[in-house]
Amino acid sequence: MRLAFAFLLAATVSASVASAQVPQRLAFDSTQADTVSCEGFRLQFVDFRADQTGGNGFVVRVRNSSSATRNFNPSHLRAHLKSGRTVSFLTGGSVASEYLEGSRVSGMDAEERFRQQMDIQNDPRFQAGPIAANSAEVRFLALGWSRRVSGDPQQILPVTLWCGSEPLGQISFVTAEHH
C-alpha cells in the first residue's frame, strides 16, 4: 500500500512539474501570432507582467522597418480590460506620477522624489519618441498601478488591444508549440 501511494505521489508531482514547465507565449486569438502592425510599426508582444515601476503591462519589441526615423507613442495603443474599461497605455510622465503617489513616496525628501521622477520619465522603456530607421527597441506598454489592474498579471488577460480606433484583437497567453 505504501509503495502504491509513493508511486502515485511521485507521478502526481512529476506531472505537475511538467505542466508548470510548459512554455507559454502571448498570441492574438484570431491569428495565434504574437506580432501586429500599428501606425507603421511591427509590435511583437513578448511578455505580460508586473513591472516594479510601470505596474502591469506588456513587454513589446517595436520594429521600425521603414527607411526613416519614426515616432512611437505608447498612448496611441489602448487596452479593453475584462472590467469593461478601455485605457490608453502610459508614457514616462504618467508612469512617474502614478508611481510617486501614496506610500511609495513616504520617507522620500523632495530632491529624492524629483530624481526618481526624472529617472522614470527618462526610462527608455516608457518613452514616446523616435525609433531609428530599420531598427527595433524593447518597450514596456504600462497600464500602471492606479488603474485597478493589480494582482496576478495573468488573471488580467485576455484583453482586447486597439491601435487608435482599429482593433488589433484579443491577446492572452497560449501554450508554446514545441518544434
Protein backbone atom coordinates (compact mmCIF):
# COMPACT_ATOMS: atom_id res chain seq x y z
CA MET A 1 0.00 0.00 0.00
CA ARG A 2 2.82 2.42 0.88
CA LEU A 3 4.59 1.61 -2.37
CA ALA A 4 1.43 2.33 -4.39
CA PHE A 5 0.90 5.62 -2.53
CA ALA A 6 4.55 6.62 -3.08
CA PHE A 7 4.25 5.81 -6.79
CA LEU A 8 1.01 7.83 -7.10
CA LEU A 9 2.57 10.76 -5.26
CA ALA A 10 5.68 10.68 -7.47
CA ALA A 11 3.55 10.54 -10.62
CA THR A 12 1.43 13.48 -9.45
CA VAL A 13 4.48 15.59 -8.58
CA SER A 14 6.23 14.86 -11.88
CA ALA A 15 3.04 15.65 -13.83
CA SER A 16 2.59 18.97 -12.03
CA VAL A 17 6.27 19.86 -12.54
CA ALA A 18 5.97 19.00 -16.24
CA SER A 19 2.84 21.14 -16.63
CA ALA A 20 4.49 24.03 -14.77
CA GLN A 21 7.38 23.95 -17.24
CA VAL A 22 5.20 24.11 -20.36
CA PRO A 23 6.37 27.30 -22.05
CA GLN A 24 3.78 29.97 -22.74
CA ARG A 25 3.78 32.83 -25.17
CA LEU A 26 1.46 35.71 -25.97
CA ALA A 27 -0.77 35.38 -29.02
CA PHE A 28 -3.77 37.09 -30.60
CA ASP A 29 -6.91 34.99 -30.77
CA SER A 30 -7.63 35.36 -34.46
CA THR A 31 -4.15 34.60 -35.83
CA GLN A 32 -2.23 32.94 -32.97
CA ALA A 33 0.52 35.43 -33.92
CA ASP A 34 2.43 37.47 -31.35
CA THR A 35 3.08 40.31 -33.80
CA VAL A 36 0.77 43.01 -35.19
CA SER A 37 1.11 46.27 -37.12
CA CYS A 38 0.21 49.62 -35.61
CA GLU A 39 0.84 53.01 -37.23
CA GLY A 40 3.58 51.58 -39.44
CA PHE A 41 5.38 49.75 -36.61
CA ARG A 42 5.56 45.99 -36.10
CA LEU A 43 4.85 45.17 -32.43
CA GLN A 44 5.94 41.78 -31.11
CA PHE A 45 4.34 41.01 -27.77
CA VAL A 46 6.99 39.23 -25.72
CA ASP A 47 5.53 39.09 -22.19
CA PHE A 48 2.81 40.39 -19.88
CA ARG A 49 3.95 41.00 -16.33
CA ALA A 50 4.07 43.31 -13.35
CA ASP A 51 6.91 45.81 -13.62
CA GLN A 52 8.31 47.33 -10.42
CA THR A 53 7.80 50.85 -11.78
CA GLY A 54 5.21 50.66 -14.56
CA GLY A 55 2.73 48.29 -12.95
CA ASN A 56 1.10 45.63 -15.09
CA GLY A 57 1.78 45.74 -18.81
CA PHE A 58 3.28 44.23 -21.94
CA VAL A 59 6.92 43.89 -22.89
CA VAL A 60 6.99 44.57 -26.65
CA ARG A 61 9.63 44.70 -29.34
CA VAL A 62 8.81 47.71 -31.54
CA ARG A 63 10.27 47.46 -35.06
CA ASN A 64 10.51 50.39 -37.46
CA SER A 65 11.01 48.75 -40.85
CA SER A 66 10.87 52.00 -42.80
CA SER A 67 13.90 53.85 -44.15
CA ALA A 68 13.18 56.89 -41.98
CA THR A 69 13.13 57.52 -38.24
CA ARG A 70 9.55 57.43 -36.93
CA ASN A 71 7.94 58.46 -33.64
CA PHE A 72 6.38 55.75 -31.49
CA ASN A 73 3.79 56.74 -28.88
CA PRO A 74 2.55 54.04 -26.47
CA SER A 75 -0.53 56.10 -25.61
CA HIS A 76 -1.87 55.52 -29.16
CA LEU A 77 -2.41 51.91 -28.10
CA ARG A 78 -5.35 51.06 -25.86
CA ALA A 79 -6.44 48.01 -23.87
CA HIS A 80 -10.03 46.96 -23.24
CA LEU A 81 -9.89 45.22 -19.85
CA LYS A 82 -12.11 42.43 -18.52
CA SER A 83 -13.74 45.02 -16.25
CA GLY A 84 -15.14 46.75 -19.34
CA ARG A 85 -12.84 49.77 -19.07
CA THR A 86 -10.72 50.89 -22.02
CA VAL A 87 -7.45 52.58 -21.10
CA SER A 88 -4.53 54.00 -23.03
CA PHE A 89 -1.04 52.79 -22.21
CA LEU A 90 1.07 55.23 -20.22
CA THR A 91 4.16 57.20 -21.21
CA GLY A 92 7.05 58.11 -18.90
CA GLY A 93 5.49 61.19 -17.31
CA SER A 94 2.26 59.39 -16.44
CA VAL A 95 4.13 56.34 -15.14
CA ALA A 96 6.24 58.61 -12.91
CA SER A 97 3.26 60.48 -11.46
CA GLU A 98 1.39 57.23 -10.72
CA TYR A 99 4.45 55.56 -9.25
CA LEU A 100 5.21 58.52 -6.98
CA GLU A 101 1.74 58.57 -5.38
CA GLY A 102 0.87 57.35 -1.92
CA SER A 103 3.04 55.11 0.20
CA ARG A 104 5.85 54.77 -2.36
CA VAL A 105 6.97 58.33 -1.62
CA SER A 106 6.80 58.17 2.17
CA GLY A 107 10.24 58.82 3.55
CA MET A 108 11.50 60.48 0.34
CA ASP A 109 12.57 64.09 0.51
CA ALA A 110 11.70 66.48 -2.34
CA GLU A 111 15.09 66.08 -4.03
CA GLU A 112 14.90 62.29 -3.98
CA ARG A 113 11.32 62.38 -5.35
CA PHE A 114 12.43 64.70 -8.14
CA ARG A 115 15.39 62.44 -9.03
CA GLN A 116 13.10 59.40 -9.04
CA GLN A 117 10.57 61.21 -11.24
CA MET A 118 13.29 62.16 -13.76
CA ASP A 119 14.66 58.61 -13.82
CA ILE A 120 11.21 57.17 -14.59
CA GLN A 121 10.35 59.82 -17.18
CA ASN A 122 13.64 59.18 -18.97
CA ASP A 123 13.45 55.39 -18.79
CA PRO A 124 13.58 54.31 -22.46
CA ARG A 125 11.05 51.52 -21.83
CA PHE A 126 8.26 54.06 -21.22
CA GLN A 127 9.25 56.67 -23.81
CA ALA A 128 7.25 58.11 -26.62
CA GLY A 129 9.68 59.19 -29.26
CA PRO A 130 11.84 58.34 -32.23
CA ILE A 131 12.81 54.85 -33.28
CA ALA A 132 15.60 54.81 -35.86
CA ALA A 133 15.06 53.51 -39.37
CA ASN A 134 15.33 49.73 -39.80
CA SER A 135 15.74 49.08 -36.09
CA ALA A 136 13.87 47.66 -33.11
CA GLU A 137 13.62 48.68 -29.47
CA VAL A 138 12.11 46.97 -26.44
CA ARG A 139 9.40 48.98 -24.70
CA PHE A 140 7.02 48.38 -21.80
CA LEU A 141 3.37 49.18 -22.51
CA ALA A 142 2.40 50.19 -18.98
CA LEU A 143 -1.11 50.03 -17.60
CA GLY A 144 0.17 51.49 -14.34
CA TRP A 145 -0.63 50.88 -10.69
CA SER A 146 -3.71 53.03 -10.10
CA ARG A 147 -5.94 51.60 -12.83
CA ARG A 148 -7.39 48.67 -10.88
CA VAL A 149 -5.24 46.18 -12.73
CA SER A 150 -3.24 44.92 -9.77
CA GLY A 151 -2.85 41.30 -8.83
CA ASP A 152 -1.57 38.35 -10.80
CA PRO A 153 -0.97 39.76 -14.29
CA GLN A 154 -2.08 36.55 -15.98
CA GLN A 155 -5.53 36.90 -14.40
CA ILE A 156 -5.98 40.23 -16.20
CA LEU A 157 -5.71 38.53 -19.59
CA PRO A 158 -7.23 38.24 -22.09
CA VAL A 159 -7.51 41.89 -23.10
CA THR A 160 -8.52 43.38 -26.42
CA LEU A 161 -5.91 45.73 -27.87
CA TRP A 162 -6.59 48.69 -30.11
CA CYS A 163 -4.33 50.85 -32.30
CA GLY A 164 -6.15 54.16 -32.29
CA SER A 165 -9.65 53.17 -33.40
CA GLU A 166 -8.52 49.95 -35.13
CA PRO A 167 -8.96 46.69 -33.17
CA LEU A 168 -5.82 44.52 -33.13
CA GLY A 169 -7.51 41.55 -31.46
CA GLN A 170 -7.73 39.82 -28.13
CA ILE A 171 -4.39 38.74 -26.65
CA SER A 172 -3.60 36.16 -23.99
CA PHE A 173 -1.06 33.51 -23.09
CA VAL A 174 -1.15 30.29 -25.09
CA THR A 175 0.93 27.16 -24.74
CA ALA A 176 4.03 27.46 -26.91
CA GLU A 177 4.45 24.89 -29.64
CA HIS A 178 7.44 22.56 -29.48
CA HIS A 179 9.50 22.11 -32.64
